[in-house]
Amino acid sequence: MKINFKKTYRFAIKSALYISLFTTGFVLLLMNMFYKNQLKYQTGFGIIFLISVYIFSFLVLQYRVERFIYRRVKKIYDEVSLLESTPLINQPITTDMETLSREVKKFATDKKLEIEMLEIREQYRREFLGNVSHELKTPLFTVQGYVSTLLDGAMDDKTIRKKYLKRAEKGVERLIYIVEDLDMITKLESGDLDLNFTEFNIVELIQNVFDLLEMKADKKKIKLAFESKNVQSLIVKGDKDRIQQVLENLIVNSIKYGKEGGLTEVGVVNLTKKKVLIRISDNGEGVEKQNISRLFERFYRVDKSGTRSEGGSGLGLAIVKHIIEAHKEKVYVESEFGIGSEFSFTLEKANKVTKAEVK
């Protein structure tokens, strides 16, 4: 630890002054009582005596008290320094009680916050492991059940064999889907997933996503549309493939939890001279207020039941958040239970802007 002794003189100055005044006054009183005929020498004597006692008291008090406090305070610093990366390690040792109290209080507050964060992370870790186990368990047991049935004799029946193999294949596909999404989130969090920044037309990309998801939306009779019939095309900067993935995840999410015969609208808004806001809104079931802050957590689902009707890896919104943050942009969510939800995110505009109508 860096031994940089920060001294304080206030205690010694005040204490020496009190001792000097008292002893000088007391000595002058005695001289006045016993040596009345030598009053003319008392003033000079008093001044010299006062200065001498003050200097002597100051030096003794400063040294003795300083060493006394320093030894005990240094012990505190040494004990605290056993904790790695503590901010007190590189702080100068001070005998100023006010400064020391402030530093120790700050240290205690920081450690309290650190402990609280560790407790939150531990709780998150337990929930995450439980969610991973739950998400993987369902398709694994499904595949295991069909394979076991086939091995027990159902394989001889061609009709059952084909049906069960197809169902097992779907379970394997779901496992692969979950693992791939987990791998992507891990790469995004660690910064290992490189983004390929290009300039592209965000309105055309949204229309492409509409075309890809048209059949999925038709199954629930949900209409996919722009908020405005005549949308101005905007050229933005970003990783086109990843932004398409963001749009697909958000629009698929709105279809899953949208009402039968509902509407999913996508708006493209000129937010500032340098930013554009893309928002995806629906008139679906919405999310209760207490669940909104956790929507972007891995595997977090509002529906906690084991028999939820909608599939997916449970990582879609987490991937959205990480991709947008990797672009150094922001993602937002607003939702009202029973009315609908709106997810939105920002992107940087490119220098080149074209105008077109999307019908």
Protein backbone atom coordinates (compact mmCIF):
# COMPACT_ATOMS: atom_id res chain seq x y z
CA MET A 1 0.00 0.00 0.00
CA LYS A 2 1.17 3.52 -0.75
CA ILE A 3 2.37 5.11 2.52
CA ASN A 4 1.64 8.77 2.05
CA PHE A 5 1.04 10.31 5.47
CA LYS A 6 -1.43 13.17 5.33
CA LYS A 7 -0.97 15.28 8.48
CA THR A 8 -3.52 17.43 10.30
CA TYR A 9 -2.48 20.24 12.66
CA ARG A 10 -5.82 21.60 13.84
CA PHE A 11 -6.00 19.51 16.99
CA ALA A 12 -2.43 20.35 18.07
CA ILE A 13 -2.82 24.09 17.30
CA LYS A 14 -6.00 24.46 19.31
CA SER A 15 -4.84 22.27 22.20
CA ALA A 16 -1.45 24.02 22.45
CA LEU A 17 -3.19 27.41 22.47
CA TYR A 18 -5.50 26.39 25.33
CA ILE A 19 -2.58 24.96 27.38
CA SER A 20 -0.41 28.04 26.74
CA LEU A 21 -3.10 30.53 27.71
CA PHE A 22 -3.98 28.60 30.85
CA THR A 23 -0.38 28.08 32.05
CA THR A 24 0.65 31.66 31.22
CA GLY A 25 -2.36 33.09 33.01
CA PHE A 26 -1.80 30.85 35.99
CA VAL A 27 1.92 31.75 36.22
CA LEU A 28 1.17 35.47 35.91
CA LEU A 29 -1.43 35.15 38.64
CA LEU A 30 1.12 33.51 40.93
CA MET A 31 3.70 36.17 40.14
CA ASN A 32 1.17 38.90 40.87
CA MET A 33 0.42 37.29 44.20
CA PHE A 34 3.99 36.70 45.34
CA TYR A 35 6.06 39.22 43.41
CA LYS A 36 3.94 42.39 43.35
CA ASN A 37 7.02 44.63 43.33
CA GLN A 38 8.17 43.15 39.98
CA LEU A 39 5.03 43.92 37.92
CA LYS A 40 7.03 45.79 35.28
CA TYR A 41 8.67 42.50 34.25
CA GLN A 42 5.46 40.47 34.09
CA THR A 43 4.36 41.52 30.58
CA GLY A 44 7.60 40.60 28.87
CA PHE A 45 7.91 37.44 30.89
CA GLY A 46 4.33 36.49 30.08
CA ILE A 47 4.84 36.91 26.33
CA ILE A 48 8.05 34.88 26.32
CA PHE A 49 6.52 32.22 28.54
CA LEU A 50 3.37 32.05 26.40
CA ILE A 51 5.32 31.55 23.16
CA SER A 52 7.64 28.98 24.72
CA VAL A 53 4.82 26.93 26.23
CA TYR A 54 2.81 27.16 23.01
CA ILE A 55 5.67 25.88 20.84
CA PHE A 56 6.53 23.13 23.29
CA SER A 57 2.88 22.04 23.68
CA PHE A 58 2.31 22.09 19.96
CA LEU A 59 5.32 19.92 19.21
CA VAL A 60 4.58 17.41 21.96
CA LEU A 61 0.87 17.19 21.14
CA GLN A 62 1.42 17.02 17.42
CA TYR A 63 3.99 14.26 17.71
CA ARG A 64 2.36 12.22 20.44
CA VAL A 65 -1.25 12.42 19.25
CA GLU A 66 -0.23 12.03 15.63
CA ARG A 67 1.77 8.88 16.33
CA PHE A 68 -0.96 7.56 18.64
CA ILE A 69 -3.71 8.05 16.06
CA TYR A 70 -1.49 7.12 13.11
CA ARG A 71 -0.68 3.68 14.50
CA ARG A 72 -4.35 2.88 14.98
CA VAL A 73 -5.52 4.44 11.74
CA LYS A 74 -2.78 2.66 9.78
CA LYS A 75 -4.02 -0.62 11.23
CA ILE A 76 -7.47 0.16 9.82
CA TYR A 77 -5.98 0.90 6.39
CA ASP A 78 -3.88 -2.27 6.50
CA GLU A 79 -6.90 -4.41 7.35
CA VAL A 80 -9.02 -2.80 4.66
CA SER A 81 -6.22 -3.19 2.11
CA LEU A 82 -6.54 -6.97 2.44
CA LEU A 83 -9.59 -6.57 0.20
CA GLU A 84 -8.41 -6.43 -3.37
CA SER A 85 -9.29 -3.46 -5.56
CA THR A 86 -10.53 -1.38 -2.63
CA PRO A 87 -10.31 2.37 -3.31
CA LEU A 88 -8.65 2.94 0.08
CA ILE A 89 -5.49 1.08 -0.96
CA ASN A 90 -4.16 3.99 -3.02
CA GLN A 91 -5.42 6.71 -0.68
CA PRO A 92 -2.95 8.64 1.53
CA ILE A 93 -3.20 7.71 5.21
CA THR A 94 -4.81 10.56 7.11
CA THR A 95 -5.16 11.27 10.83
CA ASP A 96 -7.92 13.76 10.14
CA MET A 97 -10.93 12.08 11.72
CA GLU A 98 -13.41 13.93 9.50
CA THR A 99 -11.60 12.87 6.34
CA LEU A 100 -11.13 9.33 7.62
CA SER A 101 -14.78 9.06 8.60
CA ARG A 102 -15.83 10.29 5.16
CA GLU A 103 -13.53 7.82 3.39
CA VAL A 104 -14.64 4.86 5.52
CA LYS A 105 -18.31 5.79 5.05
CA LYS A 106 -17.83 5.95 1.28
CA PHE A 107 -15.99 2.62 1.36
CA ALA A 108 -18.81 1.02 3.38
CA THR A 109 -21.45 2.43 1.01
CA ASP A 110 -19.58 1.14 -2.06
CA LYS A 111 -19.21 -2.30 -0.50
CA LYS A 112 -22.90 -2.38 0.41
CA LEU A 113 -23.85 -1.58 -3.19
CA GLU A 114 -21.38 -4.20 -4.42
CA ILE A 115 -22.92 -6.84 -2.16
CA GLU A 116 -26.43 -5.89 -3.31
CA MET A 117 -25.32 -6.18 -6.96
CA LEU A 118 -23.79 -9.59 -6.27
CA GLU A 119 -27.04 -10.73 -4.65
CA ILE A 120 -29.03 -9.50 -7.67
CA ARG A 121 -26.64 -11.27 -10.04
CA GLU A 122 -26.85 -14.46 -8.02
CA GLN A 123 -30.63 -14.33 -8.16
CA TYR A 124 -30.46 -13.66 -11.90
CA ARG A 125 -28.04 -16.57 -12.33
CA ARG A 126 -30.40 -18.95 -10.51
CA GLU A 127 -33.36 -17.79 -12.57
CA PHE A 128 -31.33 -18.02 -15.77
CA LEU A 129 -30.19 -21.58 -15.08
CA GLY A 130 -33.74 -22.55 -14.16
CA ASN A 131 -35.07 -21.01 -17.38
CA VAL A 132 -32.39 -22.67 -19.54
CA SER A 133 -33.20 -26.01 -17.92
CA HIS A 134 -36.90 -25.49 -18.53
CA GLU A 135 -36.49 -24.40 -22.16
CA LEU A 136 -34.17 -27.30 -23.04
CA LYS A 137 -36.07 -29.91 -21.03
CA THR A 138 -39.31 -29.69 -23.04
CA PRO A 139 -37.88 -30.46 -26.52
CA LEU A 140 -35.41 -33.00 -25.07
CA PHE A 141 -38.17 -34.96 -23.36
CA THR A 142 -40.28 -34.72 -26.52
CA VAL A 143 -37.51 -36.18 -28.67
CA GLN A 144 -36.71 -38.80 -26.05
CA GLY A 145 -40.37 -39.85 -25.81
CA TYR A 146 -40.83 -40.34 -29.54
CA VAL A 147 -37.50 -42.15 -29.98
CA SER A 148 -38.23 -44.44 -27.02
CA THR A 149 -41.67 -45.25 -28.45
CA LEU A 150 -40.12 -46.14 -31.80
CA LEU A 151 -37.49 -48.34 -30.16
CA ASP A 152 -40.17 -50.12 -28.13
CA GLY A 153 -41.76 -51.47 -31.32
CA ALA A 154 -43.59 -48.60 -33.02
CA MET A 155 -40.85 -48.50 -35.65
CA ASP A 156 -42.45 -51.42 -37.45
CA ASP A 157 -45.50 -49.33 -38.28
CA LYS A 158 -44.48 -47.11 -41.22
CA THR A 159 -47.22 -44.53 -40.57
CA ILE A 160 -46.39 -44.10 -36.88
CA ARG A 161 -42.66 -44.20 -37.61
CA LYS A 162 -42.86 -41.34 -40.09
CA LYS A 163 -45.13 -39.26 -37.86
CA TYR A 164 -42.97 -39.72 -34.76
CA LEU A 165 -39.73 -39.03 -36.61
CA LYS A 166 -41.18 -35.75 -37.92
CA ARG A 167 -42.22 -34.76 -34.42
CA ALA A 168 -38.78 -35.68 -33.06
CA GLU A 169 -37.22 -33.61 -35.84
CA LYS A 170 -39.26 -30.59 -34.74
CA GLY A 171 -37.97 -31.06 -31.19
CA VAL A 172 -34.38 -31.16 -32.46
CA GLU A 173 -34.97 -28.03 -34.56
CA ARG A 174 -36.23 -26.23 -31.47
CA LEU A 175 -33.12 -27.27 -29.54
CA ILE A 176 -30.89 -25.99 -32.36
CA TYR A 177 -32.88 -22.74 -32.44
CA ILE A 178 -32.38 -22.19 -28.70
CA VAL A 179 -28.65 -23.03 -28.82
CA GLU A 180 -28.05 -20.73 -31.81
CA ASP A 181 -29.82 -17.85 -30.07
CA LEU A 182 -27.81 -18.45 -26.90
CA ASP A 183 -24.60 -18.49 -28.94
CA MET A 184 -25.54 -15.20 -30.60
CA ILE A 185 -26.31 -13.47 -27.28
CA THR A 186 -23.02 -14.71 -25.83
CA LYS A 187 -21.12 -13.30 -28.80
CA LEU A 188 -22.99 -10.00 -28.62
CA GLU A 189 -22.29 -9.63 -24.89
CA SER A 190 -18.60 -10.50 -25.25
CA GLY A 191 -18.17 -8.31 -28.34
CA ASP A 192 -17.08 -11.28 -30.48
CA LEU A 193 -19.84 -10.77 -33.04
CA ASP A 194 -18.57 -8.31 -35.64
CA LEU A 195 -21.13 -5.94 -37.14
CA ASN A 196 -20.95 -5.16 -40.84
CA PHE A 197 -22.03 -1.50 -41.11
CA THR A 198 -23.52 -0.45 -44.44
CA GLU A 199 -26.02 2.10 -45.69
CA PHE A 200 -29.45 0.72 -46.59
CA ASN A 201 -33.09 1.72 -47.00
CA ILE A 202 -34.87 0.95 -43.73
CA VAL A 203 -38.33 1.20 -45.32
CA GLU A 204 -37.46 -1.39 -47.99
CA LEU A 205 -36.06 -3.66 -45.28
CA ILE A 206 -39.31 -3.40 -43.27
CA GLN A 207 -41.31 -4.25 -46.40
CA ASN A 208 -39.11 -7.32 -46.95
CA VAL A 209 -39.81 -8.46 -43.40
CA PHE A 210 -43.54 -7.94 -44.00
CA ASP A 211 -43.31 -10.23 -47.06
CA LEU A 212 -41.41 -12.89 -45.08
CA LEU A 213 -43.93 -12.91 -42.22
CA GLU A 214 -47.08 -12.48 -44.28
CA MET A 215 -48.13 -16.15 -44.06
CA LYS A 216 -47.47 -16.26 -40.31
CA ALA A 217 -49.61 -13.15 -39.82
CA ASP A 218 -52.38 -14.54 -42.06
CA LYS A 219 -52.79 -17.55 -39.75
CA LYS A 220 -54.06 -15.18 -37.06
CA LYS A 221 -55.61 -12.78 -39.59
CA ILE A 222 -53.30 -10.02 -38.40
CA LYS A 223 -52.60 -7.19 -40.82
CA LEU A 224 -49.03 -5.91 -41.23
CA ALA A 225 -48.88 -2.28 -42.34
CA PHE A 226 -47.03 1.00 -42.14
CA GLU A 227 -48.50 3.73 -39.96
CA SER A 228 -48.56 6.02 -42.98
CA LYS A 229 -49.59 4.95 -46.49
CA ASN A 230 -46.97 7.18 -48.09
CA VAL A 231 -43.77 6.53 -46.20
CA GLN A 232 -40.62 8.44 -47.08
CA SER A 233 -37.76 6.06 -47.57
CA LEU A 234 -34.81 6.67 -45.29
CA ILE A 235 -31.22 5.56 -45.69
CA VAL A 236 -29.70 4.48 -42.39
CA LYS A 237 -26.35 3.12 -41.20
CA GLY A 238 -26.06 -0.25 -39.51
CA ASP A 239 -25.66 -3.98 -39.95
CA LYS A 240 -28.50 -4.75 -42.36
CA ASP A 241 -28.78 -8.45 -41.48
CA ARG A 242 -28.86 -7.78 -37.74
CA ILE A 243 -31.40 -4.97 -38.06
CA GLN A 244 -33.55 -7.32 -40.15
CA GLN A 245 -33.28 -9.82 -37.30
CA VAL A 246 -34.42 -7.12 -34.86
CA LEU A 247 -37.42 -6.29 -37.03
CA GLU A 248 -38.32 -9.95 -37.48
CA ASN A 249 -38.12 -10.64 -33.74
CA LEU A 250 -40.26 -7.64 -32.85
CA ILE A 251 -42.87 -8.23 -35.54
CA VAL A 252 -43.02 -11.98 -34.80
CA ASN A 253 -43.50 -11.07 -31.15
CA SER A 254 -46.41 -8.76 -32.04
CA ILE A 255 -47.98 -11.53 -34.13
CA LYS A 256 -47.62 -14.13 -31.37
CA TYR A 257 -49.26 -11.98 -28.73
CA GLY A 258 -51.57 -10.04 -31.03
CA LYS A 259 -55.32 -10.41 -31.13
CA GLU A 260 -57.02 -12.55 -33.75
CA GLY A 261 -57.81 -10.20 -36.64
CA GLY A 262 -55.61 -7.49 -35.12
CA LEU A 263 -53.13 -5.03 -36.55
CA THR A 264 -49.35 -4.62 -36.37
CA GLU A 265 -48.11 -1.23 -37.52
CA VAL A 266 -44.54 -0.10 -38.16
CA GLY A 267 -43.69 3.58 -38.10
CA VAL A 268 -40.57 5.31 -39.39
CA VAL A 269 -40.10 8.68 -37.72
CA ASN A 270 -37.51 11.41 -38.32
CA LEU A 271 -36.43 11.86 -34.71
CA THR A 272 -33.58 14.35 -35.21
CA LYS A 273 -31.26 15.39 -38.02
CA LYS A 274 -29.06 12.40 -37.25
CA LYS A 275 -31.48 9.84 -35.83
CA VAL A 276 -34.50 7.89 -37.04
CA LEU A 277 -36.97 6.06 -34.78
CA ILE A 278 -38.55 2.77 -35.86
CA ARG A 279 -41.55 1.71 -33.82
CA ILE A 280 -43.58 -1.50 -33.95
CA SER A 281 -46.99 -1.29 -32.30
CA ASP A 282 -49.85 -3.77 -31.95
CA ASN A 283 -53.30 -3.97 -30.37
CA GLY A 284 -52.60 -7.27 -28.67
CA GLU A 285 -52.87 -8.37 -25.06
CA GLY A 286 -50.22 -5.97 -23.75
CA VAL A 287 -47.97 -6.41 -20.72
CA GLU A 288 -48.67 -5.61 -17.09
CA LYS A 289 -46.63 -2.75 -15.66
CA GLN A 290 -44.62 -4.88 -13.21
CA ASN A 291 -43.34 -7.08 -16.05
CA ILE A 292 -42.22 -4.37 -18.49
CA SER A 293 -38.79 -3.76 -16.92
CA ARG A 294 -37.86 -7.45 -17.31
CA LEU A 295 -39.02 -8.02 -20.89
CA PHE A 296 -35.48 -7.92 -22.31
CA GLU A 297 -34.09 -10.53 -19.91
CA ARG A 298 -33.06 -13.91 -21.28
CA PHE A 299 -35.88 -16.46 -21.19
CA TYR A 300 -38.13 -14.11 -19.23
CA ARG A 301 -41.74 -14.71 -20.12
CA VAL A 302 -44.83 -12.96 -18.87
CA ASP A 303 -46.68 -16.27 -19.17
CA LYS A 304 -45.11 -18.46 -16.48
CA SER A 305 -47.28 -21.48 -17.17
CA GLY A 306 -45.64 -24.62 -18.45
CA THR A 307 -48.33 -24.99 -21.12
CA ARG A 308 -47.97 -21.66 -22.88
CA SER A 309 -49.37 -21.73 -26.39
CA GLU A 310 -46.66 -19.69 -28.10
CA GLY A 311 -43.24 -21.18 -28.88
CA GLY A 312 -39.92 -19.50 -29.48
CA SER A 313 -36.61 -19.62 -27.70
CA GLY A 314 -37.49 -16.94 -25.15
CA LEU A 315 -34.41 -15.02 -26.30
CA GLY A 316 -35.91 -12.84 -29.03
CA LEU A 317 -36.21 -9.61 -27.06
CA ALA A 318 -32.84 -10.16 -25.36
CA ILE A 319 -31.24 -10.46 -28.81
CA VAL A 320 -33.03 -7.29 -29.94
CA LYS A 321 -31.63 -5.37 -26.99
CA HIS A 322 -28.06 -6.58 -27.50
CA ILE A 323 -28.06 -5.91 -31.27
CA ILE A 324 -29.38 -2.36 -30.82
CA GLU A 325 -26.92 -1.65 -28.00
CA ALA A 326 -24.10 -3.03 -30.19
CA HIS A 327 -25.10 -0.30 -32.66
CA LYS A 328 -24.76 2.19 -29.75
CA GLU A 329 -28.47 2.93 -30.05
CA LYS A 330 -31.46 2.73 -27.69
CA VAL A 331 -34.47 0.42 -27.53
CA TYR A 332 -37.73 1.36 -25.79
CA VAL A 333 -40.96 -0.35 -24.82
CA GLU A 334 -44.37 0.96 -23.84
CA SER A 335 -47.28 -1.33 -23.04
CA GLU A 336 -50.71 -1.22 -21.49
CA PHE A 337 -52.32 -4.44 -20.39
CA GLY A 338 -55.33 -5.34 -22.52
CA ILE A 339 -54.65 -2.56 -25.05
CA GLY A 340 -51.34 -3.32 -26.76
CA SER A 341 -47.60 -2.73 -26.87
CA GLU A 342 -45.12 -0.57 -28.74
CA PHE A 343 -41.45 -1.41 -29.17
CA SER A 344 -39.16 1.17 -30.73
CA PHE A 345 -35.47 1.68 -31.42
CA THR A 346 -33.22 4.34 -32.90
CA LEU A 347 -30.79 4.16 -35.80
CA GLU A 348 -28.29 6.61 -37.25
CA LYS A 349 -29.19 8.23 -40.54
CA ALA A 350 -26.84 8.04 -43.48
CA ASN A 351 -25.79 11.16 -45.33
CA LYS A 352 -27.67 10.07 -48.41
CA VAL A 353 -31.47 10.32 -48.24
CA THR A 354 -33.87 9.30 -51.00
CA LYS A 355 -37.60 9.74 -51.26
CA ALA A 356 -40.05 7.13 -52.47
CA GLU A 357 -43.52 5.93 -51.77
CA VAL A 358 -44.17 2.54 -50.27
CA LYS A 359 -47.65 1.24 -50.93
